[in-house]
Amino acid sequence: MARTLHVAPQQRGSFPTIRDALDAATNGTVISIAAGDYTETLTIQHADIVLRAQDSGAVRINSALPEQPAVSAVGAKLQLIGLNLRSEENSALRVLGGQLKVADCVAAAGYAAAVSITGGADVKLSNTKIIGGQYGLILEESDGVVERCEIRDIVDDAVILRLGTRATLNHCTIIGCGFRGVYLYQAGDSAIERCEISQTADAGIAVADQTSPSITSSWIHDTQGVGIAVGKGCGGVIDNCRIENTAAPGIRLDDGARTEVREGPADRGRPPVGVTAETDREKDLEQVDKLLGELDSMIGLAGVKAEVRGLIDEIQVNEWRRSEGLSVGTVSNHLVFAGAPGTGKTTVARIYGQLLKALGILPHGKFKEVSRRDLVGQYIGHTAEKAASAFDEARGGVLFIDEAYTLSRSSGGGADFGQEAIDTLVKLMEDHRNEVAVIVAGYTGEMRTFLDANPGLASRFGKTLEFENYSPEQLVRIAVHLAKNADYQLGDNVEIALLEWFSQLERDENFGNAREARKLLERMRKSQSTRLRSLGSRPTREDLTTLTLDDLLQSIGDNG
């Protein structure tokens, strides 16, 4: 299991600097960094390390030596999560070889390339901002994916892909640079997909020296030079790109260029581009219908089923509007499930996550269920780390927080960090609202109190779904269903007796709904076992599968 080291200058027992933690780290170590400003120059060589902010965006690492990068990696396997990096006279981040993953970071530089990656590195940058510098991002002799990144306010070229690099820029926004937006030379079959490039002093995209890129569904506009310039000997394809308010011609192919230019239908609408656009993931409409059928097959919950169907309809209509270039309002995938235990909240949450996956809203239907003990720590800084870790594990799927209202209750034992967990979740839900669907569940009254625990909490959730108690008739149907799934059947008059029993149960805060039916069936099976053992002979198959009225009465009597 990976070891976690904590950096918090003001906390006893934690490392005072990131450098100290790196000196103590071994391969696989996660270094969790408390919020604050750190003036350090960090170098990681041939090590497997994760540097992660406890509070995304609140850790600022400024190079102690202005002429050195804030973070350098040589042959390392390095992950940077939620950090702000800055160097005045060199790169904020410089990587030579190895593997690199950067997520939710900011890299800013006063000079050099804000991010420089060379030497055969394999990299992935996501949801990251690159600001300032002579150049924004340089990828040289390396392979990489750059997705949903914003690169802006660059002195020269914003992005340079060169000398054997094979890279994909996907859903990136490049704005405000003193020369070209993206410059590719000897960059093979690199790709630019659904990017927005604007306000460049020269070409939006320049292709040179035997490069054959795929430039698809991108929007290049408001450039002083042409939108796309392709040099002699270059190939590739330019497909369904929108070129607006650039120097003429919008796409310039030099003599000897082999690039194929394809134009999409005029009525296709503006392609969704840049960091703020929804990702166009593959949809599985057959799976959507199957999952909605599974939801409909659940007993009761008429109001919940209607609400979920309404959410799915809204998602589909928004997608149709988006494909026509029409405006689409922001839709939150976060939900509140309010109601008593045993009313199907967890099951519906799982189906909802699978629906979002099938619709292409989330990349997978992973379901992460947590409670207070999984989110709340025992000392300052521990809670933010635990909450962020649970959130990270749920990325791409559903984070289901059961009995969420307990986070807003004091434990009564001195310091209580439930509020810190709530505050951390609020920020993460905003920063990564398109990556996780958070569902909080609990009793109706307590959930109202929970939503008041943070001024921004209620606004993060799109809707509250009310799960009503099951009626006695529905509990009988649930009991029959549970018995059938376990290869049992109910004998004569058992269903009538069950209806009478469920009708007289007190429905206070301890009433378990479907759990009551499940627990009763478990007791009936035990009563049946005792009865069959006393027969003195081997029971028949019918005996083994039938739960009788006597079994029910015995179970009720034992429970009383």
Protein backbone atom coordinates (compact mmCIF):
# COMPACT_ATOMS: atom_id res chain seq x y z
CA MET A 1 0.00 0.00 0.00
CA ALA A 2 1.33 3.44 -0.96
CA ARG A 3 2.64 5.54 1.90
CA THR A 4 1.30 9.07 2.38
CA LEU A 5 3.49 11.85 3.77
CA HIS A 6 1.92 15.10 4.95
CA VAL A 7 3.39 18.57 4.44
CA ALA A 8 2.01 21.31 6.69
CA PRO A 9 4.46 23.90 8.07
CA GLN A 10 2.22 24.86 10.99
CA GLN A 11 1.27 21.34 12.06
CA ARG A 12 3.37 19.29 14.42
CA GLY A 13 4.18 15.83 13.14
CA SER A 14 4.04 16.91 9.49
CA PHE A 15 6.94 17.81 7.24
CA PRO A 16 7.63 21.57 7.16
CA THR A 17 8.65 21.61 3.47
CA ILE A 18 7.94 19.61 0.35
CA ARG A 19 11.67 19.05 -0.06
CA ASP A 20 11.84 17.39 3.35
CA ALA A 21 9.01 15.05 2.38
CA LEU A 22 10.71 14.20 -0.92
CA ASP A 23 13.90 13.31 0.94
CA ALA A 24 11.93 10.84 3.06
CA ALA A 25 9.86 9.44 0.19
CA THR A 26 10.23 6.04 -1.44
CA ASN A 27 8.76 4.78 -4.70
CA GLY A 28 4.97 4.95 -4.62
CA THR A 29 4.81 7.69 -1.98
CA VAL A 30 1.98 10.21 -2.06
CA ILE A 31 2.94 13.62 -0.68
CA SER A 32 -0.17 15.46 0.52
CA ILE A 33 0.44 19.21 0.78
CA ALA A 34 -1.55 21.59 2.97
CA ALA A 35 -2.70 24.94 1.59
CA GLY A 36 -0.11 27.70 1.55
CA ASP A 37 2.81 29.32 -0.26
CA TYR A 38 5.99 27.25 -0.64
CA THR A 39 9.19 28.87 -1.88
CA GLU A 40 11.09 25.82 -3.05
CA THR A 41 12.96 24.47 -6.06
CA LEU A 42 12.06 20.77 -6.40
CA THR A 43 13.86 18.11 -8.42
CA ILE A 44 12.60 14.52 -8.69
CA GLN A 45 14.95 12.01 -10.32
CA HIS A 46 14.06 8.41 -11.23
CA ALA A 47 11.38 8.10 -8.56
CA ASP A 48 7.66 7.26 -8.48
CA ILE A 49 6.02 10.15 -6.60
CA VAL A 50 2.62 11.86 -6.33
CA LEU A 51 2.47 15.51 -5.24
CA ARG A 52 -1.11 16.37 -4.36
CA ALA A 53 -2.70 19.47 -2.88
CA GLN A 54 -5.04 18.80 0.02
CA ASP A 55 -7.13 21.70 -1.25
CA SER A 56 -6.96 21.95 -5.04
CA GLY A 57 -5.58 25.30 -6.17
CA ALA A 58 -4.52 26.44 -2.68
CA VAL A 59 -0.94 25.15 -2.84
CA ARG A 60 1.43 27.62 -4.51
CA ILE A 61 5.00 26.54 -5.23
CA ASN A 62 7.31 29.39 -6.25
CA SER A 63 10.83 28.56 -7.34
CA ALA A 64 13.34 29.58 -4.67
CA LEU A 65 15.86 30.18 -7.46
CA PRO A 66 14.34 32.45 -10.14
CA GLU A 67 16.58 30.94 -12.84
CA GLN A 68 15.42 27.39 -12.02
CA PRO A 69 12.08 25.65 -12.64
CA ALA A 70 9.73 25.30 -9.70
CA VAL A 71 9.52 21.54 -10.39
CA SER A 72 11.96 19.47 -12.46
CA ALA A 73 11.63 15.75 -13.18
CA VAL A 74 14.27 13.52 -14.74
CA GLY A 75 13.31 9.94 -15.66
CA ALA A 76 10.61 10.01 -13.00
CA LYS A 77 7.08 8.70 -12.75
CA LEU A 78 5.44 11.83 -11.43
CA GLN A 79 1.89 12.96 -10.76
CA LEU A 80 1.00 16.57 -9.93
CA ILE A 81 -2.54 17.22 -8.72
CA GLY A 82 -4.07 20.56 -7.79
CA LEU A 83 -0.81 22.57 -7.60
CA ASN A 84 0.07 26.13 -8.66
CA LEU A 85 3.65 26.29 -9.99
CA ARG A 86 5.61 29.43 -10.82
CA SER A 87 9.14 30.44 -11.80
CA GLU A 88 10.15 33.99 -12.71
CA GLU A 89 12.97 33.30 -15.19
CA ASN A 90 12.59 29.63 -16.11
CA SER A 91 9.93 27.02 -16.66
CA ALA A 92 7.33 26.39 -13.99
CA LEU A 93 7.61 22.68 -14.89
CA ARG A 94 10.42 20.97 -16.80
CA VAL A 95 10.39 17.25 -17.56
CA LEU A 96 13.11 15.10 -19.15
CA GLY A 97 11.95 11.56 -19.96
CA GLY A 98 9.83 9.37 -17.70
CA GLN A 99 6.08 9.53 -17.20
CA LEU A 100 4.06 12.55 -16.16
CA LYS A 101 0.44 13.15 -15.22
CA VAL A 102 -0.71 16.68 -14.43
CA ALA A 103 -4.29 17.39 -13.37
CA ASP A 104 -6.04 20.52 -12.11
CA CYS A 105 -2.81 22.54 -11.92
CA VAL A 106 -1.67 26.03 -12.87
CA ALA A 107 1.78 26.61 -14.41
CA ALA A 108 2.93 30.21 -14.76
CA ALA A 109 6.26 31.59 -15.89
CA GLY A 110 7.81 34.97 -16.52
CA TYR A 111 10.22 33.65 -19.15
CA ALA A 112 11.23 30.42 -20.96
CA ALA A 113 8.49 27.84 -21.61
CA ALA A 114 5.98 27.66 -18.81
CA VAL A 115 5.91 23.86 -19.32
CA SER A 116 8.78 22.10 -21.12
CA ILE A 117 8.63 18.35 -21.81
CA THR A 118 11.46 16.64 -23.69
CA GLY A 119 13.57 13.49 -23.88
CA GLY A 120 11.04 10.78 -24.70
CA ALA A 121 8.56 11.51 -21.94
CA ASP A 122 5.05 10.05 -21.90
CA VAL A 123 2.70 12.71 -20.57
CA LYS A 124 -0.93 13.55 -19.88
CA LEU A 125 -2.06 17.06 -18.96
CA SER A 126 -5.69 17.63 -18.05
CA ASN A 127 -7.77 20.50 -16.69
CA THR A 128 -4.65 22.62 -16.32
CA LYS A 129 -3.94 26.31 -16.99
CA ILE A 130 -0.65 27.43 -18.54
CA ILE A 131 -0.11 31.17 -18.22
CA GLY A 132 2.67 33.51 -19.34
CA GLY A 133 6.20 32.63 -20.38
CA GLN A 134 8.11 33.05 -23.60
CA TYR A 135 6.31 29.91 -24.77
CA GLY A 136 3.37 28.16 -23.19
CA LEU A 137 3.90 24.43 -23.71
CA ILE A 138 6.76 22.71 -25.55
CA LEU A 139 6.60 19.00 -26.33
CA GLU A 140 9.77 17.63 -27.94
CA GLU A 141 10.54 13.99 -28.80
CA SER A 142 7.74 12.95 -26.48
CA ASP A 143 4.26 11.45 -26.62
CA GLY A 144 1.38 13.09 -24.88
CA VAL A 145 -2.29 13.93 -24.46
CA VAL A 146 -3.28 17.48 -23.53
CA GLU A 147 -6.98 17.72 -22.74
CA ARG A 148 -9.20 20.51 -21.44
CA CYS A 149 -6.25 22.80 -20.81
CA GLU A 150 -6.21 26.59 -21.11
CA ILE A 151 -3.07 28.27 -22.45
CA ARG A 152 -3.05 32.06 -22.48
CA ASP A 153 -1.07 35.31 -22.39
CA ILE A 154 2.08 33.89 -24.03
CA VAL A 155 4.88 36.10 -25.43
CA ASP A 156 5.66 33.89 -28.45
CA ASP A 157 4.13 30.56 -29.60
CA ALA A 158 1.54 29.17 -27.21
CA VAL A 159 2.14 25.48 -28.06
CA ILE A 160 5.08 23.91 -29.88
CA LEU A 161 4.98 20.24 -30.93
CA ARG A 162 8.29 19.29 -32.53
CA LEU A 163 11.04 16.81 -33.40
CA GLY A 164 9.33 13.44 -33.25
CA THR A 165 6.59 14.37 -30.85
CA ARG A 166 3.24 12.61 -31.22
CA ALA A 167 0.63 14.48 -29.24
CA THR A 168 -3.10 15.10 -29.12
CA LEU A 169 -4.63 18.42 -28.06
CA ASN A 170 -8.27 17.86 -27.15
CA HIS A 171 -10.84 20.43 -26.01
CA CYS A 172 -8.13 23.02 -25.27
CA THR A 173 -8.49 26.81 -25.29
CA ILE A 174 -5.54 28.88 -26.54
CA ILE A 175 -5.94 32.62 -26.34
CA GLY A 176 -3.65 35.65 -26.45
CA CYS A 177 -0.15 34.92 -27.79
CA GLY A 178 2.46 37.05 -29.51
CA PHE A 179 3.10 34.72 -32.45
CA ARG A 180 1.32 31.42 -33.35
CA GLY A 181 -1.26 29.52 -31.38
CA VAL A 182 0.06 26.02 -32.22
CA TYR A 183 3.27 25.39 -34.15
CA LEU A 184 3.96 21.85 -35.37
CA TYR A 185 7.15 20.73 -37.09
CA GLN A 186 8.42 17.19 -37.46
CA ALA A 187 5.47 16.29 -35.26
CA GLY A 188 4.26 13.31 -37.31
CA ASP A 189 0.56 12.57 -37.09
CA SER A 190 -0.24 14.67 -34.05
CA ALA A 191 -3.84 15.79 -33.62
CA ILE A 192 -5.78 18.92 -32.68
CA GLU A 193 -9.38 18.08 -31.78
CA ARG A 194 -12.22 20.43 -30.76
CA CYS A 195 -9.86 23.22 -29.69
CA GLU A 196 -10.53 26.97 -29.65
CA ILE A 197 -7.65 29.21 -30.75
CA SER A 198 -7.94 32.99 -30.86
CA GLN A 199 -6.13 36.32 -30.52
CA THR A 200 -2.81 35.29 -32.04
CA ALA A 201 -0.41 37.76 -33.65
CA ASP A 202 0.24 35.31 -36.50
CA ALA A 203 -1.42 32.07 -37.64
CA GLY A 204 -3.74 30.24 -35.34
CA ILE A 205 -2.11 26.92 -36.34
CA ALA A 206 1.11 26.58 -38.34
CA VAL A 207 2.15 23.19 -39.79
CA ALA A 208 5.67 22.68 -41.13
CA ASP A 209 8.47 20.24 -41.96
CA GLN A 210 6.89 16.89 -42.87
CA THR A 211 4.10 17.04 -40.30
CA SER A 212 0.74 15.42 -41.16
CA PRO A 213 -1.66 16.33 -38.39
CA SER A 214 -5.36 15.72 -37.98
CA ILE A 215 -7.10 19.03 -37.21
CA THR A 216 -10.76 18.39 -36.54
CA SER A 217 -13.86 20.26 -35.35
CA SER A 218 -11.85 23.22 -34.05
CA TRP A 219 -12.65 26.94 -33.99
CA ILE A 220 -9.90 29.37 -35.00
CA HIS A 221 -10.93 33.00 -34.89
CA ASP A 222 -9.73 36.59 -34.40
CA THR A 223 -6.14 36.01 -35.51
CA GLN A 224 -3.86 38.56 -37.18
CA GLY A 225 -2.49 35.85 -39.46
CA VAL A 226 -4.37 33.12 -41.35
CA GLY A 227 -6.40 30.60 -39.39
CA ILE A 228 -4.34 27.56 -40.48
CA ALA A 229 -1.08 27.63 -42.47
CA VAL A 230 0.32 24.39 -43.95
CA GLY A 231 3.82 24.23 -45.43
CA LYS A 232 5.28 22.33 -48.38
CA GLY A 233 5.47 18.55 -47.96
CA CYS A 234 2.98 18.41 -45.10
CA GLY A 235 -0.12 16.22 -45.20
CA GLY A 236 -2.89 15.25 -42.84
CA VAL A 237 -6.46 16.43 -42.81
CA ILE A 238 -8.40 19.54 -41.78
CA ASP A 239 -11.96 18.45 -41.08
CA ASN A 240 -15.06 20.51 -40.15
CA CYS A 241 -13.11 23.44 -38.69
CA ARG A 242 -14.63 26.86 -38.26
CA ILE A 243 -12.35 29.72 -39.38
CA GLU A 244 -13.61 33.22 -38.60
CA ASN A 245 -12.20 36.76 -38.66
CA THR A 246 -8.68 35.78 -39.69
CA ALA A 247 -6.36 37.05 -42.40
CA ALA A 248 -7.18 35.73 -45.88
CA PRO A 249 -7.26 32.96 -46.84
CA GLY A 250 -8.61 31.32 -43.71
CA ILE A 251 -6.72 28.11 -44.59
CA ARG A 252 -3.48 28.59 -46.55
CA LEU A 253 -1.86 25.57 -48.21
CA ASP A 254 1.62 26.20 -49.66
CA ASP A 255 2.57 24.65 -52.99
CA GLY A 256 3.41 21.00 -52.42
CA ALA A 257 1.22 20.62 -49.35
CA ARG A 258 -0.81 17.37 -49.40
CA THR A 259 -3.35 18.27 -46.72
CA GLU A 260 -6.97 17.28 -47.36
CA VAL A 261 -9.51 19.93 -46.38
CA ARG A 262 -13.01 18.73 -45.57
CA GLU A 263 -15.88 21.01 -44.75
CA GLY A 264 -18.80 19.85 -42.63
CA PRO A 265 -22.43 20.55 -43.61
CA ALA A 266 -23.30 24.23 -43.37
CA ASP A 267 -26.20 23.48 -41.03
CA ARG A 268 -24.23 21.34 -38.61
CA GLY A 269 -23.89 24.20 -36.16
CA ARG A 270 -20.92 25.34 -34.19
CA PRO A 271 -18.90 22.39 -32.87
CA PRO A 272 -18.51 22.32 -29.08
CA VAL A 273 -14.91 23.33 -28.53
CA GLY A 274 -12.50 24.44 -25.83
CA VAL A 275 -12.22 23.69 -22.14
CA THR A 276 -15.82 24.65 -21.33
CA ALA A 277 -17.45 22.37 -23.90
CA GLU A 278 -19.07 19.09 -23.06
CA THR A 279 -17.05 16.09 -24.22
CA ASP A 280 -18.69 14.29 -27.11
CA ARG A 281 -18.57 10.78 -25.65
CA GLU A 282 -20.11 7.78 -27.30
CA LYS A 283 -23.70 7.14 -26.31
CA ASP A 284 -25.37 3.77 -25.83
CA LEU A 285 -29.08 4.48 -26.27
CA GLU A 286 -29.94 0.78 -26.15
CA GLN A 287 -28.34 0.61 -22.71
CA VAL A 288 -30.28 3.73 -21.66
CA ASP A 289 -33.57 1.99 -22.51
CA LYS A 290 -32.46 -1.15 -20.66
CA LEU A 291 -31.56 0.82 -17.54
CA LEU A 292 -34.81 2.78 -17.59
CA GLY A 293 -36.62 -0.55 -17.82
CA GLU A 294 -34.67 -1.77 -14.80
CA LEU A 295 -35.70 1.38 -12.93
CA ASP A 296 -39.36 0.87 -13.90
CA SER A 297 -39.24 -2.71 -12.62
CA MET A 298 -38.51 -1.48 -9.09
CA ILE A 299 -41.51 -1.68 -6.77
CA GLY A 300 -43.11 1.66 -5.89
CA LEU A 301 -41.12 4.92 -6.20
CA ALA A 302 -43.44 6.42 -8.84
CA GLY A 303 -42.31 9.98 -8.10
CA VAL A 304 -38.60 9.07 -8.11
CA LYS A 305 -38.93 7.22 -11.43
CA ALA A 306 -40.63 10.23 -13.01
CA GLU A 307 -37.90 12.59 -11.73
CA VAL A 308 -35.08 10.40 -13.09
CA ARG A 309 -36.79 10.09 -16.47
CA GLY A 310 -37.18 13.87 -16.52
CA LEU A 311 -33.46 14.33 -15.87
CA ILE A 312 -32.55 11.92 -18.67
CA ASP A 313 -34.95 13.68 -21.06
CA GLU A 314 -33.35 17.04 -20.24
CA ILE A 315 -29.86 15.68 -20.91
CA GLN A 316 -30.94 14.32 -24.30
CA VAL A 317 -32.68 17.53 -25.37
CA ASN A 318 -29.66 19.60 -24.32
CA GLU A 319 -27.48 17.40 -26.51
CA TRP A 320 -29.78 17.97 -29.48
CA ARG A 321 -29.69 21.74 -28.86
CA ARG A 322 -25.91 21.69 -28.57
CA SER A 323 -25.56 19.83 -31.87
CA GLU A 324 -27.59 22.61 -33.53
CA GLY A 325 -25.37 25.33 -32.10
CA LEU A 326 -28.05 26.53 -29.68
CA SER A 327 -27.36 27.76 -26.17
CA VAL A 328 -27.53 25.19 -23.38
CA GLY A 329 -27.84 26.04 -19.71
CA THR A 330 -25.60 24.51 -17.07
CA VAL A 331 -27.06 21.29 -15.67
CA SER A 332 -25.91 19.83 -12.38
CA ASN A 333 -25.65 16.05 -12.15
CA HIS A 334 -25.46 16.22 -8.33
CA LEU A 335 -28.61 15.06 -6.53
CA VAL A 336 -30.13 14.86 -3.05
CA PHE A 337 -31.94 11.62 -2.16
CA ALA A 338 -34.22 12.28 0.82
CA GLY A 339 -36.19 9.63 2.67
CA ALA A 340 -36.16 6.82 5.20
CA PRO A 341 -33.78 3.82 5.02
CA GLY A 342 -34.65 0.86 2.85
CA THR A 343 -36.46 2.83 0.16
CA GLY A 344 -34.11 2.00 -2.72
CA LYS A 345 -31.84 5.07 -2.65
CA THR A 346 -28.61 3.13 -3.21
CA THR A 347 -30.11 1.05 -6.03
CA VAL A 348 -31.46 4.12 -7.82
CA ALA A 349 -28.10 5.88 -7.40
CA ARG A 350 -26.32 2.97 -9.09
CA ILE A 351 -28.79 2.98 -12.00
CA TYR A 352 -28.46 6.79 -12.33
CA GLY A 353 -24.67 6.49 -12.59
CA GLN A 354 -24.99 3.84 -15.30
CA LEU A 355 -27.45 6.07 -17.16
CA LEU A 356 -24.99 8.97 -17.13
CA LYS A 357 -22.33 6.62 -18.49
CA ALA A 358 -24.62 5.34 -21.25
CA LEU A 359 -25.48 8.94 -22.22
CA GLY A 360 -21.80 9.87 -22.44
CA ILE A 361 -21.96 12.32 -19.54
CA LEU A 362 -19.55 10.30 -17.38
CA PRO A 363 -16.77 8.05 -18.73
CA HIS A 364 -17.69 5.08 -16.55
CA GLY A 365 -20.36 4.02 -14.08
CA LYS A 366 -18.06 3.45 -11.13
CA PHE A 367 -19.96 3.69 -7.85
CA LYS A 368 -18.13 4.83 -4.71
CA GLU A 369 -20.22 4.67 -1.53
CA VAL A 370 -18.91 6.50 1.54
CA SER A 371 -20.12 7.64 4.94
CA ARG A 372 -18.87 10.06 7.57
CA ARG A 373 -16.01 7.84 8.71
CA ASP A 374 -14.62 7.74 5.14
CA LEU A 375 -14.54 11.55 4.86
CA VAL A 376 -13.75 12.93 8.31
CA GLY A 377 -10.22 12.79 9.73
CA GLN A 378 -8.81 13.05 13.22
CA TYR A 379 -6.56 16.08 12.94
CA ILE A 380 -6.22 19.33 11.01
CA GLY A 381 -5.64 18.67 7.32
CA HIS A 382 -6.55 14.99 7.52
CA THR A 383 -10.20 15.55 6.62
CA ALA A 384 -9.44 17.54 3.46
CA GLU A 385 -7.10 14.77 2.37
CA LYS A 386 -9.63 11.99 3.03
CA ALA A 387 -12.45 13.87 1.31
CA ALA A 388 -10.26 14.65 -1.72
CA SER A 389 -9.09 11.03 -1.90
CA ALA A 390 -12.67 9.70 -1.88
CA PHE A 391 -13.62 12.25 -4.53
CA ASP A 392 -10.65 11.24 -6.72
CA GLU A 393 -11.60 7.56 -6.46
CA ALA A 394 -15.10 8.38 -7.70
CA ARG A 395 -13.98 10.48 -10.68
CA GLY A 396 -15.79 9.50 -13.82
CA GLY A 397 -18.64 7.95 -11.83
CA VAL A 398 -20.84 8.44 -8.78
CA LEU A 399 -19.85 9.44 -5.24
CA PHE A 400 -22.72 8.32 -2.98
CA ILE A 401 -22.62 9.76 0.55
CA ASP A 402 -25.02 7.87 2.80
CA GLU A 403 -26.39 9.57 5.90
CA ALA A 404 -24.71 12.76 4.68
CA TYR A 405 -26.43 14.80 7.41
CA THR A 406 -24.02 13.30 9.98
CA LEU A 407 -21.29 15.51 8.50
CA SER A 408 -23.09 18.58 9.84
CA ARG A 409 -23.49 17.12 13.32
CA SER A 410 -20.88 17.57 16.02
CA SER A 411 -19.47 14.32 17.37
CA GLY A 412 -19.46 15.83 20.84
CA GLY A 413 -15.86 14.82 21.44
CA GLY A 414 -13.93 18.06 21.07
CA ALA A 415 -12.73 19.09 17.62
CA ASP A 416 -15.09 17.96 14.87
CA PHE A 417 -14.07 18.11 11.22
CA GLY A 418 -17.40 17.30 9.57
CA GLN A 419 -17.77 20.92 8.48
CA GLU A 420 -14.30 20.78 6.91
CA ALA A 421 -15.41 17.75 4.89
CA ILE A 422 -18.48 19.63 3.68
CA ASP A 423 -16.44 22.70 2.71
CA THR A 424 -13.92 20.52 0.83
CA LEU A 425 -16.67 18.71 -1.06
CA VAL A 426 -18.34 21.99 -2.05
CA LYS A 427 -15.14 23.21 -3.71
CA LEU A 428 -14.42 19.88 -5.40
CA MET A 429 -17.97 19.68 -6.75
CA GLU A 430 -17.54 23.09 -8.35
CA ASP A 431 -14.02 22.51 -9.68
CA HIS A 432 -14.90 19.09 -11.17
CA ARG A 433 -18.63 19.35 -11.77
CA ASN A 434 -18.43 17.50 -15.10
CA GLU A 435 -16.34 14.63 -13.76
CA VAL A 436 -18.34 13.24 -10.84
CA ALA A 437 -22.00 12.94 -9.92
CA VAL A 438 -22.30 13.44 -6.15
CA ILE A 439 -25.43 12.03 -4.51
CA VAL A 440 -26.09 12.73 -0.84
CA ALA A 441 -28.71 10.68 0.97
CA GLY A 442 -30.52 10.67 4.31
CA TYR A 443 -33.70 11.44 6.22
CA THR A 444 -35.71 14.30 4.71
CA GLY A 445 -35.60 16.65 7.71
CA GLU A 446 -31.94 16.08 8.48
CA MET A 447 -30.98 16.63 4.83
CA ARG A 448 -32.53 20.10 4.93
CA THR A 449 -30.26 20.94 7.87
CA PHE A 450 -27.30 19.45 6.04
CA LEU A 451 -27.86 21.66 2.98
CA ASP A 452 -27.73 24.73 5.23
CA ALA A 453 -24.27 23.80 6.54
CA ASN A 454 -22.44 25.70 3.77
CA PRO A 455 -23.76 28.74 1.85
CA GLY A 456 -22.87 27.16 -1.49
CA LEU A 457 -23.92 23.59 -0.75
CA ALA A 458 -27.59 23.66 -1.77
CA SER A 459 -26.79 25.39 -5.08
CA ARG A 460 -24.46 22.53 -6.09
CA PHE A 461 -27.36 20.09 -6.27
CA GLY A 462 -29.72 20.15 -9.22
CA LYS A 463 -32.67 18.44 -7.59
CA THR A 464 -33.98 16.68 -4.49
CA LEU A 465 -35.70 13.33 -5.01
CA GLU A 466 -38.11 12.27 -2.27
CA PHE A 467 -38.20 8.53 -1.49
CA GLU A 468 -41.49 7.74 0.23
CA ASN A 469 -42.09 4.84 2.62
CA TYR A 470 -43.39 1.68 0.99
CA SER A 471 -47.05 0.85 1.52
CA PRO A 472 -47.97 -2.52 3.17
CA GLU A 473 -49.02 -3.84 -0.26
CA GLN A 474 -45.66 -2.85 -1.77
CA LEU A 475 -43.78 -4.50 1.12
CA VAL A 476 -45.64 -7.75 0.41
CA ARG A 477 -44.59 -7.53 -3.25
CA ILE A 478 -40.99 -6.90 -2.15
CA ALA A 479 -41.12 -9.94 0.15
CA VAL A 480 -42.45 -12.12 -2.68
CA HIS A 481 -39.72 -10.81 -5.00
CA LEU A 482 -36.94 -11.43 -2.46
CA ALA A 483 -38.21 -14.94 -1.78
CA LYS A 484 -38.38 -15.79 -5.49
CA ASN A 485 -34.83 -14.55 -6.09
CA ALA A 486 -33.63 -16.89 -3.32
CA ASP A 487 -35.54 -19.92 -4.75
CA TYR A 488 -38.35 -19.78 -2.20
CA GLN A 489 -42.11 -19.51 -2.56
CA LEU A 490 -44.72 -18.38 -0.08
CA GLY A 491 -47.26 -20.98 1.04
CA ASP A 492 -51.04 -20.68 1.44
CA ASN A 493 -52.29 -17.54 3.18
CA VAL A 494 -48.75 -16.24 3.81
CA GLU A 495 -49.22 -13.15 1.65
CA ILE A 496 -52.46 -12.27 3.48
CA ALA A 497 -50.70 -12.62 6.83
CA LEU A 498 -47.78 -10.55 5.61
CA LEU A 499 -50.11 -7.74 4.57
CA GLU A 500 -51.67 -7.74 8.04
CA TRP A 501 -48.25 -7.75 9.70
CA PHE A 502 -46.82 -4.90 7.61
CA SER A 503 -50.01 -2.87 8.13
CA GLN A 504 -49.61 -2.86 11.90
CA LEU A 505 -45.88 -2.05 12.02
CA GLU A 506 -45.10 1.33 13.58
CA ARG A 507 -43.57 3.64 11.00
CA ASP A 508 -41.27 5.72 13.18
CA GLU A 509 -37.73 6.87 12.35
CA ASN A 510 -36.45 3.33 12.93
CA PHE A 511 -38.76 1.80 10.30
CA GLY A 512 -36.57 0.08 7.70
CA ASN A 513 -39.01 -0.33 4.77
CA ALA A 514 -37.57 -3.01 2.45
CA ARG A 515 -35.11 -3.97 5.18
CA GLU A 516 -38.08 -5.02 7.32
CA ALA A 517 -39.17 -7.43 4.59
CA ARG A 518 -35.64 -8.77 4.18
CA LYS A 519 -35.11 -9.32 7.90
CA LEU A 520 -38.49 -11.04 8.24
CA LEU A 521 -37.68 -13.45 5.39
CA GLU A 522 -34.35 -14.28 7.03
CA ARG A 523 -36.17 -15.20 10.25
CA MET A 524 -38.72 -17.24 8.27
CA ARG A 525 -35.91 -19.24 6.64
CA LYS A 526 -34.46 -19.99 10.05
CA SER A 527 -37.87 -21.11 11.31
CA GLN A 528 -38.26 -23.31 8.23
CA SER A 529 -34.87 -24.90 8.86
CA THR A 530 -35.84 -25.78 12.42
CA ARG A 531 -39.17 -27.20 11.22
CA LEU A 532 -37.63 -29.31 8.46
CA ARG A 533 -34.91 -30.70 10.74
CA SER A 534 -37.62 -32.01 13.09
CA LEU A 535 -39.41 -34.01 10.38
CA GLY A 536 -37.27 -37.11 10.93
CA SER A 537 -36.92 -37.69 7.18
CA ARG A 538 -35.37 -35.94 4.19
CA PRO A 539 -37.68 -33.09 3.03
CA THR A 540 -38.94 -32.94 -0.54
CA ARG A 541 -37.96 -30.24 -2.98
CA GLU A 542 -41.30 -28.54 -2.37
CA ASP A 543 -40.68 -28.63 1.37
CA LEU A 544 -37.27 -26.99 0.86
CA THR A 545 -38.64 -24.16 -1.27
CA THR A 546 -41.88 -23.35 0.61
CA LEU A 547 -42.15 -20.87 3.48
CA THR A 548 -45.35 -21.58 5.38
CA LEU A 549 -47.71 -19.62 7.57
CA ASP A 550 -46.26 -21.44 10.59
CA ASP A 551 -42.78 -20.20 9.64
CA LEU A 552 -44.12 -16.63 9.52
CA LEU A 553 -45.96 -16.89 12.83
CA GLN A 554 -42.90 -18.42 14.50
CA SER A 555 -40.72 -15.58 13.14
CA ILE A 556 -43.11 -12.91 14.36
CA GLY A 557 -43.34 -14.57 17.77
CA ASP A 558 -39.53 -14.84 18.10
CA ASN A 559 -39.15 -11.17 17.14
CA GLY A 560 -41.78 -10.05 19.64
